[in-house]
Amino acid sequence: MSKEMFNPYYGLFEYSTVLLMDAEKRIRLLQFVTGTSRVPMNGFAELYGSNGPQLFTIEQWGTREKLPRAHTCFNRLDLPPYESFEELREKLHIAIENAQGFDGVD
């Protein structure tokens, strides 16, 4: 699906989904996308990725059947083109609740 065909209400879906999360889920989402559970002291503008400063971004990716995926090195969340708020909310919940990091890997 091209970006031109991306649902025009999608930004509203994303924003609403995060607003309706409790604090614990917001922390898990932040950790899922950035690899850290805390916002930098001076805000999101000071997020760093593997190559220096790297803002939190959301990109369209995949098909509706896929779960969201994250790239912690780039502070990027890839979201499939879900057709409803409920679908986005459900799939994002599954992704962040079942995500596994690289704890213990040297």
N, C-alpha and C. Protein backbone atom coordinates (compact mmCIF):
# COMPACT_ATOMS: atom_id res chain seq x y z
N MET A 1 0.85 -1.18 0.00
CA MET A 1 0.00 0.00 0.00
C MET A 1 0.90 1.24 0.00
N SER A 2 0.63 2.15 -0.87
CA SER A 2 1.45 3.37 -0.95
C SER A 2 1.08 4.32 0.18
N LYS A 3 1.99 5.24 0.47
CA LYS A 3 1.71 6.23 1.50
C LYS A 3 0.51 7.10 1.13
N GLU A 4 0.27 7.29 -0.17
CA GLU A 4 -0.86 8.10 -0.60
C GLU A 4 -2.19 7.44 -0.22
N MET A 5 -2.18 6.11 -0.13
CA MET A 5 -3.41 5.39 0.21
C MET A 5 -3.56 5.20 1.72
N PHE A 6 -2.58 5.64 2.49
CA PHE A 6 -2.61 5.47 3.94
C PHE A 6 -3.80 6.22 4.51
N ASN A 7 -4.52 5.59 5.42
CA ASN A 7 -5.73 6.15 6.02
C ASN A 7 -5.46 7.55 6.59
N PRO A 8 -6.22 8.58 6.15
CA PRO A 8 -5.98 9.94 6.63
C PRO A 8 -6.28 10.12 8.12
N TYR A 9 -7.02 9.20 8.72
CA TYR A 9 -7.34 9.29 10.14
C TYR A 9 -6.31 8.57 11.01
N TYR A 10 -5.30 8.02 10.37
CA TYR A 10 -4.36 7.18 11.10
C TYR A 10 -3.63 7.92 12.20
N GLY A 11 -3.22 9.14 11.97
CA GLY A 11 -2.56 9.92 13.02
C GLY A 11 -3.45 10.06 14.25
N LEU A 12 -4.73 10.25 14.02
CA LEU A 12 -5.69 10.32 15.12
C LEU A 12 -5.78 8.99 15.85
N PHE A 13 -5.76 7.88 15.10
CA PHE A 13 -5.77 6.55 15.72
C PHE A 13 -4.56 6.40 16.64
N GLU A 14 -3.38 6.74 16.12
CA GLU A 14 -2.13 6.59 16.88
C GLU A 14 -2.18 7.41 18.16
N TYR A 15 -2.55 8.67 18.00
CA TYR A 15 -2.59 9.59 19.13
C TYR A 15 -3.58 9.11 20.19
N SER A 16 -4.77 8.72 19.76
CA SER A 16 -5.80 8.24 20.68
C SER A 16 -5.38 6.98 21.39
N THR A 17 -4.71 6.09 20.67
CA THR A 17 -4.25 4.84 21.27
C THR A 17 -3.31 5.11 22.43
N VAL A 18 -2.36 5.99 22.24
CA VAL A 18 -1.40 6.31 23.30
C VAL A 18 -2.09 7.04 24.45
N LEU A 19 -2.99 7.96 24.15
CA LEU A 19 -3.70 8.68 25.21
C LEU A 19 -4.50 7.76 26.10
N LEU A 20 -5.05 6.69 25.54
CA LEU A 20 -5.88 5.77 26.32
C LEU A 20 -5.08 4.72 27.08
N MET A 21 -3.77 4.70 26.91
CA MET A 21 -2.93 3.76 27.64
C MET A 21 -2.71 4.26 29.06
N ASP A 22 -2.61 3.31 30.00
CA ASP A 22 -2.22 3.70 31.35
C ASP A 22 -0.71 3.95 31.35
N ALA A 23 -0.21 4.47 32.47
CA ALA A 23 1.21 4.85 32.55
C ALA A 23 2.14 3.66 32.28
N GLU A 24 1.80 2.49 32.81
CA GLU A 24 2.64 1.30 32.62
C GLU A 24 2.74 0.92 31.14
N LYS A 25 1.63 0.99 30.42
CA LYS A 25 1.65 0.65 28.98
C LYS A 25 2.43 1.68 28.18
N ARG A 26 2.33 2.94 28.56
CA ARG A 26 3.11 3.98 27.87
C ARG A 26 4.61 3.73 28.06
N ILE A 27 4.98 3.33 29.27
CA ILE A 27 6.39 3.00 29.53
C ILE A 27 6.83 1.83 28.66
N ARG A 28 5.98 0.80 28.58
CA ARG A 28 6.31 -0.37 27.77
C ARG A 28 6.41 -0.01 26.28
N LEU A 29 5.53 0.89 25.82
CA LEU A 29 5.60 1.35 24.43
C LEU A 29 6.91 2.09 24.19
N LEU A 30 7.26 2.99 25.09
CA LEU A 30 8.51 3.74 24.95
C LEU A 30 9.70 2.79 24.92
N GLN A 31 9.69 1.80 25.80
CA GLN A 31 10.78 0.83 25.82
C GLN A 31 10.80 -0.02 24.56
N PHE A 32 9.62 -0.38 24.05
CA PHE A 32 9.52 -1.17 22.82
C PHE A 32 10.16 -0.43 21.64
N VAL A 33 9.92 0.87 21.57
CA VAL A 33 10.40 1.65 20.42
C VAL A 33 11.82 2.18 20.60
N THR A 34 12.17 2.59 21.81
CA THR A 34 13.47 3.25 22.01
C THR A 34 14.50 2.41 22.76
N GLY A 35 14.05 1.38 23.44
CA GLY A 35 14.96 0.57 24.24
C GLY A 35 15.17 1.12 25.64
N THR A 36 14.54 2.24 25.96
CA THR A 36 14.63 2.82 27.30
C THR A 36 13.24 3.07 27.84
N SER A 37 13.10 2.98 29.15
CA SER A 37 11.79 3.17 29.76
C SER A 37 11.57 4.60 30.27
N ARG A 38 12.52 5.49 29.99
CA ARG A 38 12.41 6.87 30.45
C ARG A 38 12.64 7.86 29.32
N VAL A 39 11.88 8.94 29.37
CA VAL A 39 12.10 10.04 28.44
C VAL A 39 13.35 10.78 28.91
N PRO A 40 14.24 11.20 27.99
CA PRO A 40 15.42 11.96 28.41
C PRO A 40 15.04 13.19 29.24
N MET A 41 15.94 13.62 30.10
CA MET A 41 15.67 14.73 31.01
C MET A 41 15.13 15.97 30.28
N ASN A 42 15.65 16.26 29.11
CA ASN A 42 15.23 17.45 28.36
C ASN A 42 14.22 17.13 27.27
N GLY A 43 13.55 15.99 27.37
CA GLY A 43 12.48 15.66 26.44
C GLY A 43 12.89 14.81 25.26
N PHE A 44 11.91 14.52 24.42
CA PHE A 44 12.11 13.64 23.26
C PHE A 44 13.12 14.19 22.26
N ALA A 45 13.34 15.49 22.25
CA ALA A 45 14.31 16.08 21.32
C ALA A 45 15.72 15.55 21.58
N GLU A 46 15.96 15.00 22.77
CA GLU A 46 17.29 14.49 23.10
C GLU A 46 17.38 12.97 23.07
N LEU A 47 16.46 12.32 22.37
CA LEU A 47 16.57 10.88 22.19
C LEU A 47 17.77 10.59 21.29
N TYR A 48 18.48 9.55 21.61
CA TYR A 48 19.63 9.15 20.80
C TYR A 48 19.43 7.77 20.24
N GLY A 49 19.91 7.58 19.03
CA GLY A 49 19.92 6.28 18.39
C GLY A 49 21.35 5.81 18.24
N SER A 50 21.56 4.84 17.41
CA SER A 50 22.91 4.28 17.25
C SER A 50 23.88 5.25 16.57
N ASN A 51 23.36 6.25 15.87
CA ASN A 51 24.22 7.21 15.16
C ASN A 51 24.08 8.63 15.70
N GLY A 52 23.73 8.78 16.97
CA GLY A 52 23.58 10.11 17.54
C GLY A 52 22.12 10.47 17.72
N PRO A 53 21.80 11.79 17.75
CA PRO A 53 20.41 12.21 17.98
C PRO A 53 19.46 11.57 16.96
N GLN A 54 18.37 11.05 17.45
CA GLN A 54 17.41 10.35 16.58
C GLN A 54 16.02 10.50 17.17
N LEU A 55 15.16 11.28 16.52
CA LEU A 55 13.80 11.50 17.00
C LEU A 55 12.96 10.24 16.90
N PHE A 56 11.94 10.15 17.72
CA PHE A 56 10.95 9.07 17.68
C PHE A 56 10.13 9.27 16.41
N THR A 57 10.05 8.25 15.57
CA THR A 57 9.27 8.35 14.34
C THR A 57 8.35 7.15 14.18
N ILE A 58 7.31 7.36 13.39
CA ILE A 58 6.37 6.29 13.06
C ILE A 58 6.31 6.19 11.55
N GLU A 59 6.48 4.99 11.04
CA GLU A 59 6.47 4.75 9.60
C GLU A 59 5.41 3.71 9.25
N GLN A 60 4.84 3.85 8.07
CA GLN A 60 3.93 2.83 7.56
C GLN A 60 4.77 1.67 7.05
N TRP A 61 4.29 0.45 7.34
CA TRP A 61 5.03 -0.75 6.93
C TRP A 61 4.09 -1.94 6.92
N GLY A 62 4.32 -2.86 6.01
CA GLY A 62 3.66 -4.16 6.04
C GLY A 62 2.20 -4.16 5.63
N THR A 63 1.53 -5.23 6.05
CA THR A 63 0.11 -5.43 5.76
C THR A 63 -0.66 -5.56 7.07
N ARG A 64 -1.98 -5.46 6.99
CA ARG A 64 -2.83 -5.49 8.18
C ARG A 64 -2.61 -6.71 9.06
N GLU A 65 -2.18 -7.81 8.48
CA GLU A 65 -2.02 -9.05 9.24
C GLU A 65 -0.81 -9.01 10.16
N LYS A 66 0.11 -8.10 9.91
CA LYS A 66 1.36 -8.01 10.68
C LYS A 66 1.14 -7.27 11.99
N LEU A 67 2.01 -7.54 12.94
CA LEU A 67 2.05 -6.78 14.19
C LEU A 67 3.00 -5.60 14.00
N PRO A 68 2.84 -4.55 14.79
CA PRO A 68 3.81 -3.45 14.74
C PRO A 68 5.20 -3.98 15.07
N ARG A 69 6.22 -3.31 14.54
CA ARG A 69 7.59 -3.68 14.87
C ARG A 69 8.36 -2.40 15.20
N ALA A 70 9.43 -2.57 15.94
CA ALA A 70 10.21 -1.42 16.36
C ALA A 70 11.67 -1.60 16.01
N HIS A 71 12.35 -0.47 15.83
CA HIS A 71 13.78 -0.43 15.57
C HIS A 71 14.39 0.47 16.65
N THR A 72 14.86 -0.13 17.74
CA THR A 72 15.36 0.67 18.86
C THR A 72 16.60 1.47 18.50
N CYS A 73 17.38 1.02 17.54
CA CYS A 73 18.58 1.78 17.13
C CYS A 73 18.20 3.10 16.47
N PHE A 74 16.97 3.16 15.94
CA PHE A 74 16.53 4.35 15.21
C PHE A 74 15.32 5.02 15.86
N ASN A 75 14.88 4.52 17.03
CA ASN A 75 13.69 5.06 17.72
C ASN A 75 12.49 5.11 16.78
N ARG A 76 12.30 4.04 16.03
CA ARG A 76 11.25 4.03 15.00
C ARG A 76 10.25 2.91 15.26
N LEU A 77 8.97 3.27 15.13
CA LEU A 77 7.87 2.31 15.21
C LEU A 77 7.29 2.15 13.82
N ASP A 78 7.26 0.91 13.34
CA ASP A 78 6.66 0.61 12.04
C ASP A 78 5.26 0.07 12.28
N LEU A 79 4.26 0.73 11.69
CA LEU A 79 2.87 0.31 11.86
C LEU A 79 2.25 -0.10 10.53
N PRO A 80 1.62 -1.25 10.50
CA PRO A 80 0.87 -1.66 9.32
C PRO A 80 -0.36 -0.75 9.15
N PRO A 81 -0.95 -0.75 7.97
CA PRO A 81 -2.11 0.12 7.70
C PRO A 81 -3.42 -0.47 8.23
N TYR A 82 -3.56 -0.51 9.55
CA TYR A 82 -4.79 -1.02 10.15
C TYR A 82 -5.95 -0.13 9.77
N GLU A 83 -7.13 -0.71 9.70
CA GLU A 83 -8.30 0.03 9.23
C GLU A 83 -9.15 0.64 10.33
N SER A 84 -8.85 0.32 11.59
CA SER A 84 -9.66 0.89 12.66
C SER A 84 -8.80 1.15 13.89
N PHE A 85 -9.32 1.99 14.73
CA PHE A 85 -8.68 2.30 16.00
C PHE A 85 -8.54 1.03 16.83
N GLU A 86 -9.60 0.24 16.90
CA GLU A 86 -9.58 -0.99 17.70
C GLU A 86 -8.53 -1.98 17.20
N GLU A 87 -8.40 -2.09 15.89
CA GLU A 87 -7.40 -3.00 15.33
C GLU A 87 -5.99 -2.54 15.71
N LEU A 88 -5.72 -1.26 15.58
CA LEU A 88 -4.42 -0.70 15.97
C LEU A 88 -4.16 -0.94 17.45
N ARG A 89 -5.15 -0.64 18.26
CA ARG A 89 -5.00 -0.79 19.71
C ARG A 89 -4.70 -2.25 20.09
N GLU A 90 -5.43 -3.17 19.52
CA GLU A 90 -5.25 -4.60 19.82
C GLU A 90 -3.87 -5.10 19.39
N LYS A 91 -3.47 -4.78 18.15
CA LYS A 91 -2.19 -5.27 17.63
C LYS A 91 -1.01 -4.62 18.35
N LEU A 92 -1.13 -3.35 18.68
CA LEU A 92 -0.05 -2.68 19.41
C LEU A 92 0.08 -3.28 20.81
N HIS A 93 -1.04 -3.57 21.44
CA HIS A 93 -1.02 -4.21 22.76
C HIS A 93 -0.30 -5.56 22.69
N ILE A 94 -0.63 -6.37 21.71
CA ILE A 94 0.01 -7.68 21.55
C ILE A 94 1.52 -7.51 21.36
N ALA A 95 1.90 -6.56 20.52
CA ALA A 95 3.33 -6.35 20.24
C ALA A 95 4.11 -5.93 21.48
N ILE A 96 3.60 -4.94 22.21
CA ILE A 96 4.38 -4.45 23.35
C ILE A 96 4.34 -5.41 24.54
N GLU A 97 3.27 -6.15 24.69
CA GLU A 97 3.18 -7.10 25.80
C GLU A 97 4.01 -8.35 25.57
N ASN A 98 4.31 -8.67 24.33
CA ASN A 98 5.06 -9.88 24.02
C ASN A 98 6.46 -9.62 23.51
N ALA A 99 6.88 -8.36 23.55
CA ALA A 99 8.22 -8.01 23.07
C ALA A 99 9.27 -8.55 24.02
N GLN A 100 10.37 -8.98 23.46
CA GLN A 100 11.50 -9.44 24.25
C GLN A 100 12.73 -8.67 23.81
N GLY A 101 13.48 -8.22 24.77
CA GLY A 101 14.70 -7.49 24.47
C GLY A 101 15.89 -8.43 24.39
N PHE A 102 17.05 -7.84 24.54
CA PHE A 102 18.29 -8.59 24.46
C PHE A 102 18.99 -8.65 25.82
N ASP A 103 18.21 -8.72 26.90
CA ASP A 103 18.79 -8.79 28.24
C ASP A 103 19.76 -9.95 28.33
N GLY A 104 20.90 -9.68 28.90
CA GLY A 104 21.88 -10.74 29.12
C GLY A 104 22.77 -11.04 27.94
N VAL A 105 22.56 -10.36 26.82
CA VAL A 105 23.41 -10.58 25.65
C VAL A 105 24.59 -9.63 25.75
N ASP A 106 25.78 -10.18 25.68
CA ASP A 106 26.99 -9.34 25.77
C ASP A 106 27.57 -9.05 24.41
